[in-house]
C-alpha atoms as a PDB file:
ATOM      1  CA  UNK A   1      -0.866  42.989  41.842  1.00  0.00           C
ATOM      2  CA  UNK A   2      -0.931  39.788  40.313  1.00  0.00           C
ATOM      3  CA  UNK A   3      -3.686  37.627  38.494  1.00  0.00           C
ATOM      4  CA  UNK A   4      -1.870  34.597  39.832  1.00  0.00           C
ATOM      5  CA  UNK A   5       1.055  33.939  41.864  1.00  0.00           C
ATOM      6  CA  UNK A   6       3.512  31.016  42.239  1.00  0.00           C
ATOM      7  CA  UNK A   7       6.495  31.479  44.677  1.00  0.00           C
ATOM      8  CA  UNK A   8       8.430  34.688  43.662  1.00  0.00           C
ATOM      9  CA  UNK A   9       6.560  34.496  40.158  1.00  0.00           C
ATOM     10  CA  UNK A  10       3.408  36.119  38.982  1.00  0.00           C
ATOM     11  CA  UNK A  11       1.060  36.417  36.229  1.00  0.00           C
ATOM     12  CA  UNK A  12       0.585  40.126  35.990  1.00  0.00           C
ATOM     13  CA  UNK A  13      -2.932  41.580  36.608  1.00  0.00           C
ATOM     14  CA  UNK A  14      -2.825  43.092  33.244  1.00  0.00           C
ATOM     15  CA  UNK A  15      -3.210  39.713  31.623  1.00  0.00           C
ATOM     16  CA  UNK A  16      -6.369  38.980  33.363  1.00  0.00           C
ATOM     17  CA  UNK A  17      -8.574  40.208  30.640  1.00  0.00           C
ATOM     18  CA  UNK A  18      -6.993  38.474  27.591  1.00  0.00           C
ATOM     19  CA  UNK A  19      -6.695  35.248  29.667  1.00  0.00           C
ATOM     20  CA  UNK A  20     -10.456  35.381  30.775  1.00  0.00           C
ATOM     21  CA  UNK A  21     -11.461  36.329  27.215  1.00  0.00           C
ATOM     22  CA  UNK A  22      -9.790  33.339  25.935  1.00  0.00           C
ATOM     23  CA  UNK A  23     -11.047  31.056  28.728  1.00  0.00           C
ATOM     24  CA  UNK A  24     -14.680  32.304  29.053  1.00  0.00           C
ATOM     25  CA  UNK A  25     -15.522  33.919  25.684  1.00  0.00           C
ATOM     26  CA  UNK A  26     -12.999  32.006  23.438  1.00  0.00           C
ATOM     27  CA  UNK A  27     -11.423  35.122  22.095  1.00  0.00           C
ATOM     28  CA  UNK A  28      -7.972  34.507  20.636  1.00  0.00           C
ATOM     29  CA  UNK A  29      -5.206  36.405  22.726  1.00  0.00           C
ATOM     30  CA  UNK A  30      -1.985  37.698  21.445  1.00  0.00           C
ATOM     31  CA  UNK A  31       1.007  35.934  20.417  1.00  0.00           C
ATOM     32  CA  UNK A  32       2.420  35.393  23.702  1.00  0.00           C
ATOM     33  CA  UNK A  33      -0.558  33.992  25.264  1.00  0.00           C
ATOM     34  CA  UNK A  34      -1.284  31.804  22.166  1.00  0.00           C
ATOM     35  CA  UNK A  35       2.312  30.316  22.649  1.00  0.00           C
ATOM     36  CA  UNK A  36       1.638  29.701  26.303  1.00  0.00           C
ATOM     37  CA  UNK A  37      -1.660  28.080  25.748  1.00  0.00           C
ATOM     38  CA  UNK A  38      -0.164  25.899  22.982  1.00  0.00           C
ATOM     39  CA  UNK A  39       2.569  24.850  25.467  1.00  0.00           C
ATOM     40  CA  UNK A  40       5.302  26.391  23.272  1.00  0.00           C
ATOM     41  CA  UNK A  41       7.454  27.958  25.858  1.00  0.00           C
ATOM     42  CA  UNK A  42      10.130  28.567  23.337  1.00  0.00           C
ATOM     43  CA  UNK A  43       7.680  30.764  21.339  1.00  0.00           C
ATOM     44  CA  UNK A  44       6.524  32.457  24.557  1.00  0.00           C
ATOM     45  CA  UNK A  45      10.234  33.467  25.236  1.00  0.00           C
ATOM     46  CA  UNK A  46      10.248  35.155  21.723  1.00  0.00           C
ATOM     47  CA  UNK A  47       7.010  36.987  22.260  1.00  0.00           C
ATOM     48  CA  UNK A  48       7.211  37.790  25.995  1.00  0.00           C
ATOM     49  CA  UNK A  49       7.626  41.396  27.236  1.00  0.00           C
ATOM     50  CA  UNK A  50      10.204  41.772  30.071  1.00  0.00           C
ATOM     51  CA  UNK A  51       7.673  41.264  32.905  1.00  0.00           C
ATOM     52  CA  UNK A  52       6.261  38.121  31.364  1.00  0.00           C
ATOM     53  CA  UNK A  53       9.495  36.830  30.479  1.00  0.00           C
ATOM     54  CA  UNK A  54      10.684  37.068  34.183  1.00  0.00           C
ATOM     55  CA  UNK A  55       7.429  35.372  35.202  1.00  0.00           C
ATOM     56  CA  UNK A  56       7.176  32.211  32.779  1.00  0.00           C
ATOM     57  CA  UNK A  57       7.341  29.827  35.685  1.00  0.00           C
ATOM     58  CA  UNK A  58       4.230  31.088  36.993  1.00  0.00           C
ATOM     59  CA  UNK A  59       2.344  30.477  33.585  1.00  0.00           C
ATOM     60  CA  UNK A  60       3.755  26.944  33.644  1.00  0.00           C
ATOM     61  CA  UNK A  61       2.452  26.239  37.126  1.00  0.00           C
ATOM     62  CA  UNK A  62      -0.902  27.771  36.510  1.00  0.00           C
ATOM     63  CA  UNK A  63      -1.406  25.754  33.318  1.00  0.00           C
ATOM     64  CA  UNK A  64      -0.746  22.454  34.887  1.00  0.00           C
ATOM     65  CA  UNK A  65      -2.335  23.155  38.289  1.00  0.00           C
ATOM     66  CA  UNK A  66      -5.266  25.193  37.188  1.00  0.00           C
ATOM     67  CA  UNK A  67      -6.637  24.597  33.887  1.00  0.00           C
ATOM     68  CA  UNK A  68      -8.355  21.776  32.168  1.00  0.00           C
ATOM     69  CA  UNK A  69      -6.297  20.099  29.363  1.00  0.00           C
ATOM     70  CA  UNK A  70      -9.127  20.807  27.050  1.00  0.00           C
ATOM     71  CA  UNK A  71      -8.017  24.579  26.741  1.00  0.00           C
ATOM     72  CA  UNK A  72      -4.216  24.326  26.467  1.00  0.00           C
ATOM     73  CA  UNK A  73      -1.475  21.934  25.765  1.00  0.00           C
ATOM     74  CA  UNK A  74      -1.208  22.123  21.920  1.00  0.00           C
ATOM     75  CA  UNK A  75      -1.891  23.958  18.800  1.00  0.00           C
ATOM     76  CA  UNK A  76      -4.716  21.455  17.948  1.00  0.00           C
ATOM     77  CA  UNK A  77      -6.339  21.977  21.462  1.00  0.00           C
ATOM     78  CA  UNK A  78      -6.079  25.718  21.271  1.00  0.00           C
ATOM     79  CA  UNK A  79      -7.613  25.560  17.812  1.00  0.00           C
ATOM     80  CA  UNK A  80     -10.477  23.348  18.831  1.00  0.00           C
ATOM     81  CA  UNK A  81     -11.161  25.559  21.782  1.00  0.00           C
ATOM     82  CA  UNK A  82     -11.394  28.662  19.717  1.00  0.00           C
ATOM     83  CA  UNK A  83     -13.668  26.928  17.181  1.00  0.00           C
ATOM     84  CA  UNK A  84     -16.042  25.634  19.794  1.00  0.00           C
ATOM     85  CA  UNK A  85     -19.470  27.103  20.073  1.00  0.00           C
ATOM     86  CA  UNK A  86     -20.048  29.608  22.800  1.00  0.00           C
END
């Protein structure tokens, strides 16, 4: 099962909770997702487990097409998002 699917790649369902916690509750996720949200795909490669590593294109497509720039794209934007009042 997939949280999000793009062509043959998917964001695993198990990533739903940390992703939605970040987006809805502004809870800081683990290093892999922080790297993804910061648009740091080199860092994401370093932190990814095998399943996420094999599916990195799904994350890129999802970020670009589904999320507001306010919540991702740089360290500064991620830091600001996490600091905002809920």
